[in-house]
């Protein structure tokens, strides 16, 4: 739950006011709960320790890149970028190379430092 959905906390009466949008009828519902009940409802959504959640599945999963490449080949769709492992490692190496002092000197001042 986003923090901006909590509209008010009353310390004297120990209540929390919050809202949610029901997707069935597209209405906003304002709810006022006891603070303890609010926390109990919030804690339900925290996964158990060592519980694995699936973030990406289907075509979005990294494991299905080969399948997606086959679909692109069958449909004749050209990819805008090359996402092969070699290209990604090469790009990463170039990015990390920018942080090396020698490379930074060569790029900035077109000077090659003398070896000692």
C-alpha atoms as a PDB file:
ATOM      1  CA  UNK A   1       0.000   0.000   0.000  1.00  0.00           C
ATOM      2  CA  UNK A   2       1.339   3.405  -0.915  1.00  0.00           C
ATOM      3  CA  UNK A   3       1.874   5.859   1.894  1.00  0.00           C
ATOM      4  CA  UNK A   4      -0.058   8.592   0.077  1.00  0.00           C
ATOM      5  CA  UNK A   5      -3.273   6.536   0.456  1.00  0.00           C
ATOM      6  CA  UNK A   6      -3.204   7.133   4.213  1.00  0.00           C
ATOM      7  CA  UNK A   7      -5.146  10.355   4.652  1.00  0.00           C
ATOM      8  CA  UNK A   8      -5.133  10.837   8.417  1.00  0.00           C
ATOM      9  CA  UNK A   9      -3.846   9.387  11.669  1.00  0.00           C
ATOM     10  CA  UNK A  10      -5.632  10.477  14.839  1.00  0.00           C
ATOM     11  CA  UNK A  11      -3.436   9.886  17.872  1.00  0.00           C
ATOM     12  CA  UNK A  12      -6.163  10.588  20.452  1.00  0.00           C
ATOM     13  CA  UNK A  13      -8.654   8.072  19.075  1.00  0.00           C
ATOM     14  CA  UNK A  14      -5.901   5.774  17.692  1.00  0.00           C
ATOM     15  CA  UNK A  15      -7.519   5.558  14.233  1.00  0.00           C
ATOM     16  CA  UNK A  16      -6.122   5.545  10.709  1.00  0.00           C
ATOM     17  CA  UNK A  17      -8.083   6.917   7.746  1.00  0.00           C
ATOM     18  CA  UNK A  18      -7.186   5.629   4.301  1.00  0.00           C
ATOM     19  CA  UNK A  19      -8.809   5.079   0.935  1.00  0.00           C
ATOM     20  CA  UNK A  20      -8.864   2.563  -1.889  1.00  0.00           C
ATOM     21  CA  UNK A  21     -10.270   2.528  -5.411  1.00  0.00           C
ATOM     22  CA  UNK A  22     -12.517  -0.418  -6.176  1.00  0.00           C
ATOM     23  CA  UNK A  23     -11.796  -1.633  -9.705  1.00  0.00           C
ATOM     24  CA  UNK A  24     -15.238  -3.201 -10.110  1.00  0.00           C
ATOM     25  CA  UNK A  25     -17.240   0.006  -9.929  1.00  0.00           C
ATOM     26  CA  UNK A  26     -14.377   2.568 -10.170  1.00  0.00           C
ATOM     27  CA  UNK A  27     -15.391   4.285  -6.924  1.00  0.00           C
ATOM     28  CA  UNK A  28     -13.204   5.636  -4.159  1.00  0.00           C
ATOM     29  CA  UNK A  29     -13.931   4.252  -0.706  1.00  0.00           C
ATOM     30  CA  UNK A  30     -12.721   6.027   2.446  1.00  0.00           C
ATOM     31  CA  UNK A  31     -12.083   3.748   5.412  1.00  0.00           C
ATOM     32  CA  UNK A  32     -11.412   4.611   9.047  1.00  0.00           C
ATOM     33  CA  UNK A  33      -9.887   1.756  11.041  1.00  0.00           C
ATOM     34  CA  UNK A  34      -8.450   1.197  14.455  1.00  0.00           C
ATOM     35  CA  UNK A  35      -4.616   1.426  14.192  1.00  0.00           C
ATOM     36  CA  UNK A  36      -4.121  -2.166  15.348  1.00  0.00           C
ATOM     37  CA  UNK A  37      -6.662  -3.498  12.820  1.00  0.00           C
ATOM     38  CA  UNK A  38      -5.028  -1.398  10.091  1.00  0.00           C
ATOM     39  CA  UNK A  39      -1.610  -2.876  10.856  1.00  0.00           C
ATOM     40  CA  UNK A  40      -3.096  -6.395  10.941  1.00  0.00           C
ATOM     41  CA  UNK A  41      -4.620  -5.878   7.485  1.00  0.00           C
ATOM     42  CA  UNK A  42      -1.314  -4.488   6.219  1.00  0.00           C
ATOM     43  CA  UNK A  43       0.846  -7.314   7.615  1.00  0.00           C
ATOM     44  CA  UNK A  44      -1.196  -9.945   5.742  1.00  0.00           C
ATOM     45  CA  UNK A  45       0.460  -8.838   2.488  1.00  0.00           C
ATOM     46  CA  UNK A  46       4.043  -9.304   3.706  1.00  0.00           C
ATOM     47  CA  UNK A  47       5.383 -12.622   2.346  1.00  0.00           C
ATOM     48  CA  UNK A  48       6.846 -15.233   4.681  1.00  0.00           C
ATOM     49  CA  UNK A  49      10.565 -15.461   5.269  1.00  0.00           C
ATOM     50  CA  UNK A  50      12.313 -17.207   2.331  1.00  0.00           C
ATOM     51  CA  UNK A  51       9.111 -17.094   0.258  1.00  0.00           C
ATOM     52  CA  UNK A  52      10.026 -16.759  -3.414  1.00  0.00           C
ATOM     53  CA  UNK A  53       7.901 -14.410  -5.470  1.00  0.00           C
ATOM     54  CA  UNK A  54       7.709 -14.477  -9.243  1.00  0.00           C
ATOM     55  CA  UNK A  55       8.436 -11.079 -10.685  1.00  0.00           C
ATOM     56  CA  UNK A  56       8.495 -11.825 -14.388  1.00  0.00           C
ATOM     57  CA  UNK A  57       6.965 -14.801 -16.134  1.00  0.00           C
ATOM     58  CA  UNK A  58       6.051 -15.755 -19.668  1.00  0.00           C
ATOM     59  CA  UNK A  59       7.815 -13.694 -22.333  1.00  0.00           C
ATOM     60  CA  UNK A  60       9.078 -11.244 -19.737  1.00  0.00           C
ATOM     61  CA  UNK A  61      11.172 -13.892 -17.981  1.00  0.00           C
ATOM     62  CA  UNK A  62      14.883 -13.993 -18.745  1.00  0.00           C
ATOM     63  CA  UNK A  63      14.721 -17.758 -19.280  1.00  0.00           C
ATOM     64  CA  UNK A  64      12.353 -17.367 -22.239  1.00  0.00           C
ATOM     65  CA  UNK A  65      14.626 -15.144 -24.364  1.00  0.00           C
ATOM     66  CA  UNK A  66      15.432 -18.062 -26.673  1.00  0.00           C
ATOM     67  CA  UNK A  67      11.735 -18.802 -27.156  1.00  0.00           C
ATOM     68  CA  UNK A  68      11.055 -15.154 -27.854  1.00  0.00           C
ATOM     69  CA  UNK A  69      13.881 -15.099 -30.415  1.00  0.00           C
ATOM     70  CA  UNK A  70      12.284 -18.097 -32.164  1.00  0.00           C
ATOM     71  CA  UNK A  71       8.924 -16.301 -32.315  1.00  0.00           C
ATOM     72  CA  UNK A  72      10.598 -13.218 -33.747  1.00  0.00           C
ATOM     73  CA  UNK A  73      12.316 -15.344 -36.369  1.00  0.00           C
ATOM     74  CA  UNK A  74       9.070 -17.111 -37.306  1.00  0.00           C
ATOM     75  CA  UNK A  75       7.150 -13.847 -37.565  1.00  0.00           C
ATOM     76  CA  UNK A  76       9.972 -12.096 -39.405  1.00  0.00           C
ATOM     77  CA  UNK A  77      10.269  -9.345 -36.803  1.00  0.00           C
ATOM     78  CA  UNK A  78      13.665  -7.697 -36.529  1.00  0.00           C
ATOM     79  CA  UNK A  79      14.777  -6.733 -33.059  1.00  0.00           C
ATOM     80  CA  UNK A  80      15.771  -3.111 -32.492  1.00  0.00           C
ATOM     81  CA  UNK A  81      18.595  -4.072 -30.168  1.00  0.00           C
ATOM     82  CA  UNK A  82      20.847  -7.076 -29.870  1.00  0.00           C
ATOM     83  CA  UNK A  83      20.256  -8.577 -26.436  1.00  0.00           C
ATOM     84  CA  UNK A  84      22.690 -11.470 -26.756  1.00  0.00           C
ATOM     85  CA  UNK A  85      24.894 -12.327 -23.793  1.00  0.00           C
ATOM     86  CA  UNK A  86      28.054 -11.325 -25.651  1.00  0.00           C
ATOM     87  CA  UNK A  87      26.668  -7.886 -26.470  1.00  0.00           C
ATOM     88  CA  UNK A  88      25.509  -7.318 -22.902  1.00  0.00           C
ATOM     89  CA  UNK A  89      28.888  -8.312 -21.419  1.00  0.00           C
ATOM     90  CA  UNK A  90      30.698  -6.125 -23.948  1.00  0.00           C
ATOM     91  CA  UNK A  91      28.488  -3.136 -23.085  1.00  0.00           C
ATOM     92  CA  UNK A  92      28.958  -3.722 -19.369  1.00  0.00           C
ATOM     93  CA  UNK A  93      32.724  -3.957 -19.828  1.00  0.00           C
ATOM     94  CA  UNK A  94      32.736  -0.650 -21.711  1.00  0.00           C
ATOM     95  CA  UNK A  95      30.678   1.028 -18.986  1.00  0.00           C
ATOM     96  CA  UNK A  96      32.942  -0.267 -16.230  1.00  0.00           C
ATOM     97  CA  UNK A  97      35.999   0.743 -18.253  1.00  0.00           C
ATOM     98  CA  UNK A  98      34.889   4.386 -18.003  1.00  0.00           C
ATOM     99  CA  UNK A  99      35.583   4.312 -14.277  1.00  0.00           C
ATOM    100  CA  UNK A 100      39.236   3.341 -14.709  1.00  0.00           C
ATOM    101  CA  UNK A 101      41.602   6.265 -14.209  1.00  0.00           C
ATOM    102  CA  UNK A 102      43.630   5.564 -17.350  1.00  0.00           C
ATOM    103  CA  UNK A 103      40.554   5.377 -19.593  1.00  0.00           C
ATOM    104  CA  UNK A 104      39.154   8.529 -18.046  1.00  0.00           C
ATOM    105  CA  UNK A 105      42.395  10.413 -18.749  1.00  0.00           C
ATOM    106  CA  UNK A 106      42.477   9.246 -22.355  1.00  0.00           C
ATOM    107  CA  UNK A 107      38.815  10.182 -22.944  1.00  0.00           C
ATOM    108  CA  UNK A 108      38.971  13.560 -21.189  1.00  0.00           C
ATOM    109  CA  UNK A 109      42.376  14.986 -22.165  1.00  0.00           C
ATOM    110  CA  UNK A 110      43.501  12.694 -24.979  1.00  0.00           C
ATOM    111  CA  UNK A 111      46.624  11.904 -22.940  1.00  0.00           C
ATOM    112  CA  UNK A 112      48.089   8.511 -22.294  1.00  0.00           C
ATOM    113  CA  UNK A 113      49.779   8.267 -18.881  1.00  0.00           C
ATOM    114  CA  UNK A 114      53.336   6.970 -18.894  1.00  0.00           C
ATOM    115  CA  UNK A 115      53.918   3.565 -17.284  1.00  0.00           C
ATOM    116  CA  UNK A 116      56.197   3.718 -14.252  1.00  0.00           C
END
